[in-house]
């Protein structure tokens, strides 16, 4: 999985995607999801295992996840509610906002 963390004025933003999703565009009716190199990849992104993804999501203020593997990791860890996962085209997407 590709993991990217960045500090914003609102706190830590984490983006995670499955490597095969990078560069793809998914559509479902009026919803379009672009998995761009700028947001999910680039030199600041790291290859991460399940433990690293969970650690990063637990420290995030907000997060965006795209792909079956990374979303499943977050669901299994109890971070994302499975009923809130969106199907967009051939992939899944979840967003996280911790209210702290």
N, C-alpha and C. Protein backbone atom coordinates (compact mmCIF):
# COMPACT_ATOMS: atom_id res chain seq x y z
N UNK A 1 0.84 -1.16 0.00
CA UNK A 1 0.00 0.00 0.00
C UNK A 1 0.89 1.24 0.00
N UNK A 2 0.41 2.28 -0.63
CA UNK A 2 1.14 3.55 -0.65
C UNK A 2 0.53 4.48 0.39
N UNK A 3 1.38 5.03 1.24
CA UNK A 3 0.96 5.87 2.34
C UNK A 3 1.66 7.21 2.25
N UNK A 4 0.88 8.26 2.46
CA UNK A 4 1.44 9.61 2.42
C UNK A 4 0.84 10.40 3.58
N UNK A 5 1.70 11.04 4.36
CA UNK A 5 1.27 11.88 5.47
C UNK A 5 1.70 13.31 5.20
N UNK A 6 0.83 14.27 5.54
CA UNK A 6 1.20 15.66 5.42
C UNK A 6 0.53 16.48 6.51
N UNK A 7 1.27 17.46 6.98
CA UNK A 7 0.72 18.37 7.97
C UNK A 7 -0.03 19.49 7.27
N UNK A 8 -1.21 19.78 7.77
CA UNK A 8 -2.04 20.87 7.24
C UNK A 8 -2.44 21.76 8.42
N UNK A 9 -2.98 22.93 8.16
CA UNK A 9 -3.45 23.78 9.26
C UNK A 9 -4.53 23.09 10.11
N UNK A 10 -5.23 22.13 9.54
CA UNK A 10 -6.28 21.40 10.26
C UNK A 10 -5.76 20.15 10.95
N UNK A 11 -4.48 19.82 10.78
CA UNK A 11 -3.92 18.62 11.39
C UNK A 11 -3.30 17.71 10.34
N UNK A 12 -3.06 16.48 10.72
CA UNK A 12 -2.40 15.53 9.83
C UNK A 12 -3.39 14.91 8.85
N UNK A 13 -3.07 15.00 7.58
CA UNK A 13 -3.86 14.40 6.50
C UNK A 13 -3.10 13.17 6.00
N UNK A 14 -3.77 12.04 5.98
CA UNK A 14 -3.17 10.79 5.51
C UNK A 14 -3.92 10.33 4.26
N UNK A 15 -3.15 9.93 3.25
CA UNK A 15 -3.75 9.32 2.06
C UNK A 15 -3.12 7.95 1.87
N UNK A 16 -3.96 6.96 1.59
CA UNK A 16 -3.52 5.59 1.40
C UNK A 16 -4.22 5.03 0.17
N UNK A 17 -3.46 4.35 -0.67
CA UNK A 17 -4.09 3.67 -1.80
C UNK A 17 -3.36 2.37 -2.10
N UNK A 18 -4.08 1.46 -2.73
CA UNK A 18 -3.45 0.26 -3.24
C UNK A 18 -2.62 0.66 -4.45
N UNK A 19 -1.44 0.10 -4.63
CA UNK A 19 -0.57 0.53 -5.73
C UNK A 19 -1.22 0.44 -7.12
N UNK A 20 -2.08 -0.56 -7.34
CA UNK A 20 -2.70 -0.70 -8.65
C UNK A 20 -3.77 0.36 -8.92
N UNK A 21 -4.16 1.12 -7.91
CA UNK A 21 -5.14 2.19 -8.08
C UNK A 21 -4.50 3.50 -8.53
N UNK A 22 -3.20 3.65 -8.26
CA UNK A 22 -2.51 4.90 -8.55
C UNK A 22 -2.58 5.22 -10.05
N UNK A 23 -3.01 6.43 -10.37
CA UNK A 23 -3.12 6.86 -11.76
C UNK A 23 -4.45 6.53 -12.41
N UNK A 24 -5.30 5.83 -11.69
CA UNK A 24 -6.60 5.43 -12.25
C UNK A 24 -7.68 6.46 -11.94
N UNK A 25 -8.73 6.45 -12.73
CA UNK A 25 -9.91 7.27 -12.49
C UNK A 25 -11.11 6.33 -12.44
N UNK A 26 -11.89 6.46 -11.38
CA UNK A 26 -13.06 5.61 -11.18
C UNK A 26 -14.31 6.47 -11.21
N UNK A 27 -15.38 5.92 -11.78
CA UNK A 27 -16.63 6.67 -11.89
C UNK A 27 -17.81 5.81 -11.46
N UNK A 28 -18.78 6.48 -10.84
CA UNK A 28 -20.03 5.84 -10.46
C UNK A 28 -21.12 6.90 -10.56
N UNK A 29 -21.80 6.94 -11.69
CA UNK A 29 -22.81 7.97 -11.90
C UNK A 29 -22.16 9.35 -11.96
N UNK A 30 -22.54 10.21 -11.04
CA UNK A 30 -21.99 11.57 -11.03
C UNK A 30 -20.70 11.69 -10.22
N UNK A 31 -20.30 10.60 -9.57
CA UNK A 31 -19.10 10.62 -8.73
C UNK A 31 -17.89 10.17 -9.55
N UNK A 32 -16.84 11.00 -9.53
CA UNK A 32 -15.57 10.66 -10.17
C UNK A 32 -14.47 10.73 -9.13
N UNK A 33 -13.64 9.70 -9.09
CA UNK A 33 -12.53 9.64 -8.14
C UNK A 33 -11.24 9.45 -8.90
N UNK A 34 -10.39 10.47 -8.86
CA UNK A 34 -9.07 10.40 -9.51
C UNK A 34 -8.02 10.08 -8.46
N UNK A 35 -7.28 9.02 -8.67
CA UNK A 35 -6.22 8.62 -7.74
C UNK A 35 -4.91 9.14 -8.32
N UNK A 36 -4.59 10.39 -7.99
CA UNK A 36 -3.47 11.08 -8.62
C UNK A 36 -2.15 10.83 -7.90
N UNK A 37 -1.09 10.92 -8.67
CA UNK A 37 0.27 10.82 -8.14
C UNK A 37 0.52 11.93 -7.12
N UNK A 38 0.01 13.11 -7.40
CA UNK A 38 0.24 14.26 -6.52
C UNK A 38 -0.36 14.04 -5.13
N UNK A 39 -1.52 13.41 -5.06
CA UNK A 39 -2.19 13.25 -3.77
C UNK A 39 -1.81 11.94 -3.07
N UNK A 40 -1.69 10.86 -3.81
CA UNK A 40 -1.46 9.55 -3.21
C UNK A 40 -0.04 9.01 -3.38
N UNK A 41 0.71 9.55 -4.31
CA UNK A 41 2.04 9.00 -4.61
C UNK A 41 3.13 10.02 -4.44
N UNK A 42 4.08 9.98 -5.36
CA UNK A 42 5.19 10.93 -5.33
C UNK A 42 6.30 10.50 -4.40
N UNK A 43 7.30 11.35 -4.30
CA UNK A 43 8.48 11.06 -3.49
C UNK A 43 8.17 10.97 -2.00
N UNK A 44 7.10 11.62 -1.56
CA UNK A 44 6.75 11.61 -0.14
C UNK A 44 5.98 10.37 0.28
N UNK A 45 5.54 9.57 -0.67
CA UNK A 45 4.77 8.36 -0.35
C UNK A 45 5.72 7.23 0.02
N UNK A 46 5.27 6.41 0.95
CA UNK A 46 6.06 5.25 1.34
C UNK A 46 5.25 3.97 1.12
N UNK A 47 5.95 2.90 0.87
CA UNK A 47 5.32 1.60 0.80
C UNK A 47 5.08 1.15 2.24
N UNK A 48 3.86 0.78 2.58
CA UNK A 48 3.51 0.50 3.97
C UNK A 48 2.80 -0.84 4.13
N UNK A 49 3.10 -1.51 5.24
CA UNK A 49 2.39 -2.74 5.57
C UNK A 49 1.16 -2.40 6.41
N UNK A 50 0.40 -3.41 6.80
CA UNK A 50 -0.84 -3.20 7.53
C UNK A 50 -0.62 -2.44 8.84
N UNK A 51 0.40 -2.82 9.60
CA UNK A 51 0.66 -2.17 10.88
C UNK A 51 0.96 -0.69 10.71
N UNK A 52 1.74 -0.36 9.71
CA UNK A 52 2.10 1.05 9.46
C UNK A 52 0.87 1.86 9.05
N UNK A 53 0.00 1.27 8.21
CA UNK A 53 -1.21 1.96 7.78
C UNK A 53 -2.10 2.24 8.99
N UNK A 54 -2.31 1.25 9.84
CA UNK A 54 -3.15 1.44 11.03
C UNK A 54 -2.55 2.50 11.94
N UNK A 55 -1.24 2.45 12.17
CA UNK A 55 -0.56 3.44 13.01
C UNK A 55 -0.78 4.85 12.46
N UNK A 56 -0.63 5.02 11.16
CA UNK A 56 -0.79 6.32 10.54
C UNK A 56 -2.23 6.82 10.63
N UNK A 57 -3.19 5.94 10.38
CA UNK A 57 -4.60 6.34 10.45
C UNK A 57 -4.99 6.72 11.87
N UNK A 58 -4.45 6.05 12.85
CA UNK A 58 -4.76 6.37 14.25
C UNK A 58 -4.20 7.74 14.64
N UNK A 59 -3.14 8.18 14.00
CA UNK A 59 -2.56 9.49 14.29
C UNK A 59 -3.07 10.61 13.41
N UNK A 60 -3.90 10.27 12.43
CA UNK A 60 -4.41 11.26 11.48
C UNK A 60 -5.56 12.06 12.06
N UNK A 61 -5.76 13.25 11.51
CA UNK A 61 -6.99 14.00 11.77
C UNK A 61 -8.02 13.68 10.69
N UNK A 62 -7.53 13.56 9.45
CA UNK A 62 -8.37 13.17 8.32
C UNK A 62 -7.59 12.19 7.45
N UNK A 63 -8.34 11.38 6.69
CA UNK A 63 -7.68 10.43 5.80
C UNK A 63 -8.59 10.09 4.63
N UNK A 64 -7.95 9.73 3.53
CA UNK A 64 -8.62 9.26 2.33
C UNK A 64 -7.98 7.94 1.95
N UNK A 65 -8.81 6.93 1.68
CA UNK A 65 -8.32 5.60 1.33
C UNK A 65 -8.99 5.14 0.05
N UNK A 66 -8.20 4.53 -0.85
CA UNK A 66 -8.73 4.00 -2.10
C UNK A 66 -8.13 2.62 -2.35
N UNK A 67 -9.00 1.65 -2.57
CA UNK A 67 -8.56 0.30 -2.92
C UNK A 67 -9.01 -0.74 -1.91
N UNK A 68 -9.23 -1.95 -2.40
CA UNK A 68 -9.74 -3.05 -1.58
C UNK A 68 -8.83 -3.36 -0.39
N UNK A 69 -7.51 -3.42 -0.63
CA UNK A 69 -6.60 -3.83 0.44
C UNK A 69 -6.56 -2.82 1.58
N UNK A 70 -6.29 -1.56 1.27
CA UNK A 70 -6.14 -0.58 2.35
C UNK A 70 -7.46 -0.31 3.07
N UNK A 71 -8.57 -0.31 2.36
CA UNK A 71 -9.86 -0.12 3.02
C UNK A 71 -10.17 -1.31 3.92
N UNK A 72 -9.85 -2.52 3.46
CA UNK A 72 -10.06 -3.72 4.29
C UNK A 72 -9.24 -3.67 5.57
N UNK A 73 -8.00 -3.20 5.46
CA UNK A 73 -7.14 -3.06 6.64
C UNK A 73 -7.80 -2.13 7.66
N UNK A 74 -8.30 -1.00 7.19
CA UNK A 74 -8.94 -0.02 8.08
C UNK A 74 -10.23 -0.57 8.68
N UNK A 75 -10.99 -1.31 7.92
CA UNK A 75 -12.24 -1.91 8.42
C UNK A 75 -11.91 -2.96 9.48
N UNK A 76 -10.95 -3.84 9.19
CA UNK A 76 -10.58 -4.90 10.12
C UNK A 76 -10.02 -4.34 11.42
N UNK A 77 -9.36 -3.18 11.35
CA UNK A 77 -8.81 -2.54 12.55
C UNK A 77 -9.87 -1.77 13.34
N UNK A 78 -11.09 -1.67 12.79
CA UNK A 78 -12.16 -0.96 13.46
C UNK A 78 -12.08 0.55 13.29
N UNK A 79 -11.31 1.00 12.33
CA UNK A 79 -11.14 2.43 12.09
C UNK A 79 -12.22 2.97 11.16
N UNK A 80 -12.58 2.18 10.18
CA UNK A 80 -13.62 2.54 9.21
C UNK A 80 -14.79 1.59 9.38
N UNK A 81 -16.00 2.13 9.39
CA UNK A 81 -17.22 1.33 9.45
C UNK A 81 -17.50 0.78 8.04
N UNK A 82 -17.59 -0.53 7.93
CA UNK A 82 -17.80 -1.17 6.63
C UNK A 82 -19.04 -0.64 5.91
N UNK A 83 -20.06 -0.25 6.66
CA UNK A 83 -21.29 0.27 6.06
C UNK A 83 -21.11 1.65 5.44
N UNK A 84 -19.98 2.30 5.72
CA UNK A 84 -19.72 3.64 5.20
C UNK A 84 -18.75 3.65 4.02
N UNK A 85 -18.32 2.47 3.59
CA UNK A 85 -17.40 2.36 2.46
C UNK A 85 -18.18 2.56 1.16
N UNK A 86 -17.66 3.40 0.29
CA UNK A 86 -18.31 3.69 -0.99
C UNK A 86 -17.72 2.84 -2.11
N UNK A 87 -18.56 2.32 -2.95
CA UNK A 87 -18.10 1.66 -4.17
C UNK A 87 -18.10 2.70 -5.27
N UNK A 88 -16.94 2.89 -5.87
CA UNK A 88 -16.80 3.85 -6.96
C UNK A 88 -16.18 3.11 -8.13
N UNK A 89 -16.99 2.82 -9.14
CA UNK A 89 -16.50 2.05 -10.27
C UNK A 89 -16.00 0.69 -9.82
N UNK A 90 -14.76 0.38 -10.16
CA UNK A 90 -14.18 -0.92 -9.87
C UNK A 90 -13.39 -0.95 -8.56
N UNK A 91 -13.57 0.04 -7.69
CA UNK A 91 -12.81 0.08 -6.44
C UNK A 91 -13.69 0.56 -5.30
N UNK A 92 -13.08 0.67 -4.13
CA UNK A 92 -13.79 1.19 -2.96
C UNK A 92 -13.02 2.39 -2.41
N UNK A 93 -13.76 3.25 -1.73
CA UNK A 93 -13.19 4.50 -1.20
C UNK A 93 -13.77 4.76 0.18
N UNK A 94 -12.94 5.24 1.08
CA UNK A 94 -13.42 5.62 2.42
C UNK A 94 -12.70 6.90 2.84
N UNK A 95 -13.41 7.68 3.63
CA UNK A 95 -12.84 8.89 4.20
C UNK A 95 -12.96 8.79 5.71
N UNK A 96 -12.00 9.40 6.39
CA UNK A 96 -11.96 9.35 7.84
C UNK A 96 -11.81 10.77 8.39
N UNK A 97 -12.56 11.07 9.43
CA UNK A 97 -12.41 12.33 10.13
C UNK A 97 -12.52 12.02 11.61
N UNK A 98 -11.44 12.22 12.34
CA UNK A 98 -11.46 12.05 13.79
C UNK A 98 -11.86 13.39 14.40
N UNK A 99 -12.81 13.37 15.30
CA UNK A 99 -13.21 14.56 16.04
C UNK A 99 -12.56 14.49 17.41
N UNK A 100 -11.47 15.23 17.55
CA UNK A 100 -10.70 15.18 18.80
C UNK A 100 -10.71 16.50 19.48
